[in-house]
Structure formats: structure tokens, C-alpha cells
Amino acid sequence: MHTLVFLSTRQVLQCQPAACQALPLLPRELFPLLFKVAFMDKKTVVLRELVHTWPFPLLSFQQLLQECAHCSRALLQERPSTESMQ
């Protein structure tokens, strides 16, 4: 089950040009999650812009991608509940 912040981030990234324009207005705390969602959803335009506007002194692709890979594996192993099926 995704968090509300994750789902909101996914919605923000639906329109890549608008998301790129909004990056300077978003809180820097959201950037790691924005990167993960953009990577998972293959939003290459947003990924490129995120790298250019990254607000932290260090951009650890390895750490972010390991977390993304863990999320993807967890999602693949997750079984739907009977409530979500209904």
C-alpha cells in the first residue's frame, strides 16, 4: 500500500513539463521521493531536471536506486488483499 505522499508525488509527475517547472517551488525534502517515483515510472525528462536542480550537496544514485530496487521487489512480492480486490 502506497502512502498518500507517494501517490501525490506520482500525480505531480504525470505531466512531465509541468513537473519540471514546479521543481523550484517544491520543498527540498521531497526531492529523494520525486527521484524514486520518477525512476520507477520512467519519467526521464523529470529525472534529468531533478539531477540539474538537486538541492543537496551529494546526489547518491547508488543509494537512491538501491531503495528503488527494494521498493520494486517489495511491490512484486506483495499480494493483494481481499479488500483491495473488492
PDB file of N, CA and C in Angstrom:
ATOM      1  N   MET A   1       0.842  -1.171   0.000  1.00  0.00           N
ATOM      2  CA  MET A   1       0.000   0.000   0.000  1.00  0.00           C
ATOM      3  C   MET A   1       0.892   1.240   0.000  1.00  0.00           C
ATOM      4  N   HIS A   2       0.671   2.119  -0.926  1.00  0.00           N
ATOM      5  CA  HIS A   2       1.482   3.337  -1.025  1.00  0.00           C
ATOM      6  C   HIS A   2       0.954   4.410  -0.077  1.00  0.00           C
ATOM      7  N   THR A   3       1.864   5.270   0.339  1.00  0.00           N
ATOM      8  CA  THR A   3       1.470   6.375   1.204  1.00  0.00           C
ATOM      9  C   THR A   3       0.804   7.469   0.371  1.00  0.00           C
ATOM     10  N   LEU A   4       0.131   8.362   1.047  1.00  0.00           N
ATOM     11  CA  LEU A   4      -0.511   9.474   0.365  1.00  0.00           C
ATOM     12  C   LEU A   4       0.533  10.382  -0.292  1.00  0.00           C
ATOM     13  N   VAL A   5       1.669  10.561   0.361  1.00  0.00           N
ATOM     14  CA  VAL A   5       2.735  11.390  -0.215  1.00  0.00           C
ATOM     15  C   VAL A   5       3.263  10.753  -1.497  1.00  0.00           C
ATOM     16  N   PHE A   6       3.445   9.421  -1.488  1.00  0.00           N
ATOM     17  CA  PHE A   6       3.905   8.720  -2.684  1.00  0.00           C
ATOM     18  C   PHE A   6       2.905   8.891  -3.825  1.00  0.00           C
ATOM     19  N   LEU A   7       1.633   8.674  -3.538  1.00  0.00           N
ATOM     20  CA  LEU A   7       0.604   8.800  -4.575  1.00  0.00           C
ATOM     21  C   LEU A   7       0.495  10.234  -5.088  1.00  0.00           C
ATOM     22  N   SER A   8       0.643  11.207  -4.190  1.00  0.00           N
ATOM     23  CA  SER A   8       0.613  12.613  -4.610  1.00  0.00           C
ATOM     24  C   SER A   8       1.800  12.943  -5.498  1.00  0.00           C
ATOM     25  N   THR A   9       2.959  12.405  -5.144  1.00  0.00           N
ATOM     26  CA  THR A   9       4.163  12.621  -5.948  1.00  0.00           C
ATOM     27  C   THR A   9       3.982  12.022  -7.335  1.00  0.00           C
ATOM     28  N   ARG A  10       3.438  10.839  -7.391  1.00  0.00           N
ATOM     29  CA  ARG A  10       3.180  10.190  -8.680  1.00  0.00           C
ATOM     30  C   ARG A  10       2.238  11.058  -9.532  1.00  0.00           C
ATOM     31  N   GLN A  11       1.237  11.661  -8.893  1.00  0.00           N
ATOM     32  CA  GLN A  11       0.288  12.509  -9.618  1.00  0.00           C
ATOM     33  C   GLN A  11       0.981  13.780 -10.141  1.00  0.00           C
ATOM     34  N   VAL A  12       1.850  14.356  -9.318  1.00  0.00           N
ATOM     35  CA  VAL A  12       2.587  15.561  -9.731  1.00  0.00           C
ATOM     36  C   VAL A  12       3.440  15.277 -10.967  1.00  0.00           C
ATOM     37  N   LEU A  13       4.006  14.078 -11.047  1.00  0.00           N
ATOM     38  CA  LEU A  13       4.907  13.737 -12.144  1.00  0.00           C
ATOM     39  C   LEU A  13       4.196  13.273 -13.411  1.00  0.00           C
ATOM     40  N   GLN A  14       2.883  13.184 -13.396  1.00  0.00           N
ATOM     41  CA  GLN A  14       2.154  12.728 -14.583  1.00  0.00           C
ATOM     42  C   GLN A  14       2.423  13.615 -15.798  1.00  0.00           C
ATOM     43  N   CYS A  15       2.394  14.902 -15.599  1.00  0.00           N
ATOM     44  CA  CYS A  15       2.683  15.841 -16.692  1.00  0.00           C
ATOM     45  C   CYS A  15       4.130  16.312 -16.522  1.00  0.00           C
ATOM     46  N   GLN A  16       5.036  15.720 -17.290  1.00  0.00           N
ATOM     47  CA  GLN A  16       6.460  15.983 -17.107  1.00  0.00           C
ATOM     48  C   GLN A  16       6.849  17.454 -17.287  1.00  0.00           C
ATOM     49  N   PRO A  17       6.353  18.164 -18.314  1.00  0.00           N
ATOM     50  CA  PRO A  17       6.747  19.574 -18.447  1.00  0.00           C
ATOM     51  C   PRO A  17       6.310  20.419 -17.248  1.00  0.00           C
ATOM     52  N   ALA A  18       5.099  20.198 -16.759  1.00  0.00           N
ATOM     53  CA  ALA A  18       4.617  20.951 -15.597  1.00  0.00           C
ATOM     54  C   ALA A  18       5.402  20.590 -14.345  1.00  0.00           C
ATOM     55  N   ALA A  19       5.744  19.316 -14.212  1.00  0.00           N
ATOM     56  CA  ALA A  19       6.529  18.876 -13.054  1.00  0.00           C
ATOM     57  C   ALA A  19       7.905  19.541 -13.062  1.00  0.00           C
ATOM     58  N   CYS A  20       8.518  19.633 -14.231  1.00  0.00           N
ATOM     59  CA  CYS A  20       9.836  20.273 -14.334  1.00  0.00           C
ATOM     60  C   CYS A  20       9.760  21.746 -13.946  1.00  0.00           C
ATOM     61  N   GLN A  21       8.698  22.405 -14.340  1.00  0.00           N
ATOM     62  CA  GLN A  21       8.528  23.821 -13.987  1.00  0.00           C
ATOM     63  C   GLN A  21       8.275  23.997 -12.495  1.00  0.00           C
ATOM     64  N   ALA A  22       7.632  23.011 -11.866  1.00  0.00           N
ATOM     65  CA  ALA A  22       7.278  23.111 -10.454  1.00  0.00           C
ATOM     66  C   ALA A  22       8.440  22.780  -9.518  1.00  0.00           C
ATOM     67  N   LEU A  23       9.489  22.137 -10.010  1.00  0.00           N
ATOM     68  CA  LEU A  23      10.589  21.707  -9.142  1.00  0.00           C
ATOM     69  C   LEU A  23      11.154  22.814  -8.247  1.00  0.00           C
ATOM     70  N   PRO A  24      11.384  24.026  -8.762  1.00  0.00           N
ATOM     71  CA  PRO A  24      11.928  25.066  -7.878  1.00  0.00           C
ATOM     72  C   PRO A  24      10.972  25.461  -6.743  1.00  0.00           C
ATOM     73  N   LEU A  25       9.702  25.155  -6.895  1.00  0.00           N
ATOM     74  CA  LEU A  25       8.706  25.539  -5.889  1.00  0.00           C
ATOM     75  C   LEU A  25       8.482  24.464  -4.824  1.00  0.00           C
ATOM     76  N   LEU A  26       8.956  23.267  -5.079  1.00  0.00           N
ATOM     77  CA  LEU A  26       8.711  22.147  -4.172  1.00  0.00           C
ATOM     78  C   LEU A  26       9.724  22.116  -3.039  1.00  0.00           C
ATOM     79  N   PRO A  27       9.299  21.652  -1.856  1.00  0.00           N
ATOM     80  CA  PRO A  27      10.240  21.545  -0.733  1.00  0.00           C
ATOM     81  C   PRO A  27      11.358  20.556  -1.043  1.00  0.00           C
ATOM     82  N   ARG A  28      12.546  20.892  -0.626  1.00  0.00           N
ATOM     83  CA  ARG A  28      13.695  20.044  -0.928  1.00  0.00           C
ATOM     84  C   ARG A  28      13.574  18.664  -0.303  1.00  0.00           C
ATOM     85  N   GLU A  29      12.803  18.511   0.764  1.00  0.00           N
ATOM     86  CA  GLU A  29      12.618  17.213   1.401  1.00  0.00           C
ATOM     87  C   GLU A  29      11.923  16.217   0.478  1.00  0.00           C
ATOM     88  N   LEU A  30      11.206  16.716  -0.522  1.00  0.00           N
ATOM     89  CA  LEU A  30      10.501  15.836  -1.460  1.00  0.00           C
ATOM     90  C   LEU A  30      11.391  15.309  -2.585  1.00  0.00           C
ATOM     91  N   PHE A  31      12.553  15.886  -2.775  1.00  0.00           N
ATOM     92  CA  PHE A  31      13.391  15.519  -3.919  1.00  0.00           C
ATOM     93  C   PHE A  31      13.789  14.047  -3.950  1.00  0.00           C
ATOM     94  N   PRO A  32      14.189  13.424  -2.827  1.00  0.00           N
ATOM     95  CA  PRO A  32      14.503  11.994  -2.905  1.00  0.00           C
ATOM     96  C   PRO A  32      13.302  11.147  -3.342  1.00  0.00           C
ATOM     97  N   LEU A  33      12.125  11.463  -2.823  1.00  0.00           N
ATOM     98  CA  LEU A  33      10.929  10.725  -3.235  1.00  0.00           C
ATOM     99  C   LEU A  33      10.573  11.029  -4.685  1.00  0.00           C
ATOM    100  N   LEU A  34      10.722  12.274  -5.102  1.00  0.00           N
ATOM    101  CA  LEU A  34      10.483  12.617  -6.508  1.00  0.00           C
ATOM    102  C   LEU A  34      11.402  11.814  -7.419  1.00  0.00           C
ATOM    103  N   PHE A  35      12.673  11.697  -7.025  1.00  0.00           N
ATOM    104  CA  PHE A  35      13.626  10.925  -7.819  1.00  0.00           C
ATOM    105  C   PHE A  35      13.189   9.471  -7.915  1.00  0.00           C
ATOM    106  N   LYS A  36      12.830   8.874  -6.783  1.00  0.00           N
ATOM    107  CA  LYS A  36      12.440   7.464  -6.759  1.00  0.00           C
ATOM    108  C   LYS A  36      11.211   7.211  -7.630  1.00  0.00           C
ATOM    109  N   VAL A  37      10.200   8.076  -7.501  1.00  0.00           N
ATOM    110  CA  VAL A  37       8.971   7.898  -8.287  1.00  0.00           C
ATOM    111  C   VAL A  37       9.254   8.119  -9.770  1.00  0.00           C
ATOM    112  N   ALA A  38      10.028   9.139 -10.095  1.00  0.00           N
ATOM    113  CA  ALA A  38      10.366   9.398 -11.494  1.00  0.00           C
ATOM    114  C   ALA A  38      11.133   8.222 -12.091  1.00  0.00           C
ATOM    115  N   PHE A  39      12.028   7.631 -11.307  1.00  0.00           N
ATOM    116  CA  PHE A  39      12.784   6.473 -11.777  1.00  0.00           C
ATOM    117  C   PHE A  39      11.859   5.271 -11.985  1.00  0.00           C
ATOM    118  N   MET A  40      11.011   4.998 -11.007  1.00  0.00           N
ATOM    119  CA  MET A  40      10.104   3.850 -11.089  1.00  0.00           C
ATOM    120  C   MET A  40       9.122   3.985 -12.260  1.00  0.00           C
ATOM    121  N   ASP A  41       8.666   5.227 -12.518  1.00  0.00           N
ATOM    122  CA  ASP A  41       7.692   5.465 -13.582  1.00  0.00           C
ATOM    123  C   ASP A  41       8.338   5.838 -14.914  1.00  0.00           C
ATOM    124  N   LYS A  42       9.665   5.774 -14.965  1.00  0.00           N
ATOM    125  CA  LYS A  42      10.425   6.056 -16.190  1.00  0.00           C
ATOM    126  C   LYS A  42      10.141   7.449 -16.764  1.00  0.00           C
ATOM    127  N   LYS A  43      10.137   8.439 -15.893  1.00  0.00           N
ATOM    128  CA  LYS A  43       9.934   9.838 -16.286  1.00  0.00           C
ATOM    129  C   LYS A  43      11.304  10.477 -16.518  1.00  0.00           C
ATOM    130  N   THR A  44      11.896  10.182 -17.676  1.00  0.00           N
ATOM    131  CA  THR A  44      13.277  10.588 -17.943  1.00  0.00           C
ATOM    132  C   THR A  44      13.464  12.099 -18.003  1.00  0.00           C
ATOM    133  N   VAL A  45      12.473  12.814 -18.501  1.00  0.00           N
ATOM    134  CA  VAL A  45      12.591  14.275 -18.574  1.00  0.00           C
ATOM    135  C   VAL A  45      12.683  14.854 -17.165  1.00  0.00           C
ATOM    136  N   VAL A  46      11.854  14.354 -16.267  1.00  0.00           N
ATOM    137  CA  VAL A  46      11.870  14.827 -14.883  1.00  0.00           C
ATOM    138  C   VAL A  46      13.169  14.410 -14.194  1.00  0.00           C
ATOM    139  N   LEU A  47      13.626  13.192 -14.442  1.00  0.00           N
ATOM    140  CA  LEU A  47      14.891  12.740 -13.851  1.00  0.00           C
ATOM    141  C   LEU A  47      16.038  13.662 -14.237  1.00  0.00           C
ATOM    142  N   ARG A  48      16.098  14.005 -15.500  1.00  0.00           N
ATOM    143  CA  ARG A  48      17.163  14.893 -15.985  1.00  0.00           C
ATOM    144  C   ARG A  48      17.104  16.242 -15.262  1.00  0.00           C
ATOM    145  N   GLU A  49      15.905  16.781 -15.121  1.00  0.00           N
ATOM    146  CA  GLU A  49      15.743  18.076 -14.456  1.00  0.00           C
ATOM    147  C   GLU A  49      16.028  17.972 -12.954  1.00  0.00           C
ATOM    148  N   LEU A  50      15.664  16.846 -12.350  1.00  0.00           N
ATOM    149  CA  LEU A  50      15.963  16.638 -10.935  1.00  0.00           C
ATOM    150  C   LEU A  50      17.466  16.652 -10.677  1.00  0.00           C
ATOM    151  N   VAL A  51      18.214  16.023 -11.561  1.00  0.00           N
ATOM    152  CA  VAL A  51      19.669  16.000 -11.407  1.00  0.00           C
ATOM    153  C   VAL A  51      20.235  17.419 -11.494  1.00  0.00           C
ATOM    154  N   HIS A  52      19.700  18.230 -12.399  1.00  0.00           N
ATOM    155  CA  HIS A  52      20.191  19.608 -12.568  1.00  0.00           C
ATOM    156  C   HIS A  52      19.825  20.502 -11.391  1.00  0.00           C
ATOM    157  N   THR A  53      18.689  20.234 -10.736  1.00  0.00           N
ATOM    158  CA  THR A  53      18.221  21.112  -9.664  1.00  0.00           C
ATOM    159  C   THR A  53      18.366  20.483  -8.278  1.00  0.00           C
ATOM    160  N   TRP A  54      19.099  19.383  -8.178  1.00  0.00           N
ATOM    161  CA  TRP A  54      19.237  18.657  -6.910  1.00  0.00           C
ATOM    162  C   TRP A  54      19.709  19.620  -5.816  1.00  0.00           C
ATOM    163  N   PRO A  55      18.941  19.777  -4.732  1.00  0.00           N
ATOM    164  CA  PRO A  55      19.252  20.811  -3.732  1.00  0.00           C
ATOM    165  C   PRO A  55      20.245  20.393  -2.648  1.00  0.00           C
ATOM    166  N   PHE A  56      20.722  19.163  -2.678  1.00  0.00           N
ATOM    167  CA  PHE A  56      21.620  18.678  -1.641  1.00  0.00           C
ATOM    168  C   PHE A  56      23.055  18.635  -2.167  1.00  0.00           C
ATOM    169  N   PRO A  57      24.036  18.686  -1.275  1.00  0.00           N
ATOM    170  CA  PRO A  57      25.426  18.671  -1.741  1.00  0.00           C
ATOM    171  C   PRO A  57      25.850  17.352  -2.369  1.00  0.00           C
ATOM    172  N   LEU A  58      25.140  16.273  -2.077  1.00  0.00           N
ATOM    173  CA  LEU A  58      25.505  14.960  -2.594  1.00  0.00           C
ATOM    174  C   LEU A  58      24.289  14.318  -3.261  1.00  0.00           C
ATOM    175  N   LEU A  59      24.504  13.765  -4.434  1.00  0.00           N
ATOM    176  CA  LEU A  59      23.462  13.014  -5.139  1.00  0.00           C
ATOM    177  C   LEU A  59      23.972  11.590  -5.279  1.00  0.00           C
ATOM    178  N   SER A  60      23.484  10.708  -4.408  1.00  0.00           N
ATOM    179  CA  SER A  60      23.938   9.326  -4.395  1.00  0.00           C
ATOM    180  C   SER A  60      22.989   8.465  -5.213  1.00  0.00           C
ATOM    181  N   PHE A  61      23.316   8.302  -6.499  1.00  0.00           N
ATOM    182  CA  PHE A  61      22.493   7.456  -7.365  1.00  0.00           C
ATOM    183  C   PHE A  61      22.401   6.039  -6.810  1.00  0.00           C
ATOM    184  N   GLN A  62      23.525   5.539  -6.323  1.00  0.00           N
ATOM    185  CA  GLN A  62      23.560   4.165  -5.831  1.00  0.00           C
ATOM    186  C   GLN A  62      22.562   3.973  -4.692  1.00  0.00           C
ATOM    187  N   GLN A  63      22.564   4.872  -3.732  1.00  0.00           N
ATOM    188  CA  GLN A  63      21.659   4.737  -2.598  1.00  0.00           C
ATOM    189  C   GLN A  63      20.199   4.875  -3.045  1.00  0.00           C
ATOM    190  N   LEU A  64      19.911   5.867  -3.871  1.00  0.00           N
ATOM    191  CA  LEU A  64      18.537   6.068  -4.335  1.00  0.00           C
ATOM    192  C   LEU A  64      18.049   4.894  -5.169  1.00  0.00           C
ATOM    193  N   LEU A  65      18.898   4.391  -6.048  1.00  0.00           N
ATOM    194  CA  LEU A  65      18.482   3.283  -6.907  1.00  0.00           C
ATOM    195  C   LEU A  65      18.351   1.978  -6.131  1.00  0.00           C
ATOM    196  N   GLN A  66      19.177   1.787  -5.103  1.00  0.00           N
ATOM    197  CA  GLN A  66      19.020   0.595  -4.266  1.00  0.00           C
ATOM    198  C   GLN A  66      17.676   0.632  -3.563  1.00  0.00           C
ATOM    199  N   GLU A  67      17.299   1.806  -3.077  1.00  0.00           N
ATOM    200  CA  GLU A  67      16.000   1.941  -2.420  1.00  0.00           C
ATOM    201  C   GLU A  67      14.871   1.710  -3.419  1.00  0.00           C
ATOM    202  N   CYS A  68      15.025   2.204  -4.644  1.00  0.00           N
ATOM    203  CA  CYS A  68      14.007   1.980  -5.684  1.00  0.00           C
ATOM    204  C   CYS A  68      13.893   0.497  -6.001  1.00  0.00           C
ATOM    205  N   ALA A  69      15.032  -0.169  -6.127  1.00  0.00           N
ATOM    206  CA  ALA A  69      15.011  -1.601  -6.436  1.00  0.00           C
ATOM    207  C   ALA A  69      14.341  -2.369  -5.309  1.00  0.00           C
ATOM    208  N   HIS A  70      14.621  -1.975  -4.059  1.00  0.00           N
ATOM    209  CA  HIS A  70      13.975  -2.638  -2.911  1.00  0.00           C
ATOM    210  C   HIS A  70      12.465  -2.439  -2.967  1.00  0.00           C
ATOM    211  N   CYS A  71      12.049  -1.203  -3.297  1.00  0.00           N
ATOM    212  CA  CYS A  71      10.602  -0.919  -3.392  1.00  0.00           C
ATOM    213  C   CYS A  71       9.973  -1.762  -4.485  1.00  0.00           C
ATOM    214  N   SER A  72      10.642  -1.866  -5.626  1.00  0.00           N
ATOM    215  CA  SER A  72      10.097  -2.647  -6.740  1.00  0.00           C
ATOM    216  C   SER A  72       9.964  -4.113  -6.364  1.00  0.00           C
ATOM    217  N   ARG A  73      10.985  -4.665  -5.706  1.00  0.00           N
ATOM    218  CA  ARG A  73      10.907  -6.069  -5.282  1.00  0.00           C
ATOM    219  C   ARG A  73       9.787  -6.263  -4.277  1.00  0.00           C
ATOM    220  N   ALA A  74       9.630  -5.326  -3.353  1.00  0.00           N
ATOM    221  CA  ALA A  74       8.581  -5.438  -2.342  1.00  0.00           C
ATOM    222  C   ALA A  74       7.209  -5.387  -3.005  1.00  0.00           C
ATOM    223  N   LEU A  75       7.069  -4.530  -4.004  1.00  0.00           N
ATOM    224  CA  LEU A  75       5.788  -4.432  -4.702  1.00  0.00           C
ATOM    225  C   LEU A  75       5.483  -5.702  -5.481  1.00  0.00           C
ATOM    226  N   LEU A  76       6.508  -6.303  -6.084  1.00  0.00           N
ATOM    227  CA  LEU A  76       6.293  -7.536  -6.838  1.00  0.00           C
ATOM    228  C   LEU A  76       5.909  -8.694  -5.930  1.00  0.00           C
ATOM    229  N   GLN A  77       6.442  -8.703  -4.726  1.00  0.00           N
ATOM    230  CA  GLN A  77       6.159  -9.786  -3.801  1.00  0.00           C
ATOM    231  C   GLN A  77       4.855  -9.570  -3.040  1.00  0.00           C
ATOM    232  N   GLU A  78       4.351  -8.353  -3.063  1.00  0.00           N
ATOM    233  CA  GLU A  78       3.140  -8.025  -2.311  1.00  0.00           C
ATOM    234  C   GLU A  78       1.928  -8.704  -2.939  1.00  0.00           C
ATOM    235  N   ARG A  79       1.131  -9.302  -2.117  1.00  0.00           N
ATOM    236  CA  ARG A  79      -0.089  -9.940  -2.602  1.00  0.00           C
ATOM    237  C   ARG A  79      -1.264  -9.024  -2.300  1.00  0.00           C
ATOM    238  N   PRO A  80      -2.212  -8.887  -3.236  1.00  0.00           N
ATOM    239  CA  PRO A  80      -3.352  -8.012  -2.976  1.00  0.00           C
ATOM    240  C   PRO A  80      -4.232  -8.584  -1.868  1.00  0.00           C
ATOM    241  N   SER A  81      -4.751  -7.694  -1.061  1.00  0.00           N
ATOM    242  CA  SER A  81      -5.655  -8.130  -0.001  1.00  0.00           C
ATOM    243  C   SER A  81      -7.048  -8.345  -0.565  1.00  0.00           C
ATOM    244  N   THR A  82      -7.877  -9.026   0.178  1.00  0.00           N
ATOM    245  CA  THR A  82      -9.248  -9.262  -0.301  1.00  0.00           C
ATOM    246  C   THR A  82     -10.013  -7.955  -0.384  1.00  0.00           C
ATOM    247  N   GLU A  83      -9.674  -6.982   0.484  1.00  0.00           N
ATOM    248  CA  GLU A  83     -10.339  -5.685   0.440  1.00  0.00           C
ATOM    249  C   GLU A  83     -10.007  -4.939  -0.855  1.00  0.00           C
ATOM    250  N   SER A  84      -8.732  -4.985  -1.269  1.00  0.00           N
ATOM    251  CA  SER A  84      -8.356  -4.277  -2.487  1.00  0.00           C
ATOM    252  C   SER A  84      -8.936  -4.964  -3.727  1.00  0.00           C
ATOM    253  N   MET A  85      -9.156  -6.272  -3.637  1.00  0.00           N
ATOM    254  CA  MET A  85      -9.751  -6.998  -4.763  1.00  0.00           C
ATOM    255  C   MET A  85     -11.200  -6.580  -4.968  1.00  0.00           C
ATOM    256  N   GLN A  86     -11.887  -6.289  -3.870  1.00  0.00           N
ATOM    257  CA  GLN A  86     -13.286  -5.881  -3.978  1.00  0.00           C
ATOM    258  C   GLN A  86     -13.368  -4.464  -4.465  1.00  0.00           C
TER     259      GLN A  86
END
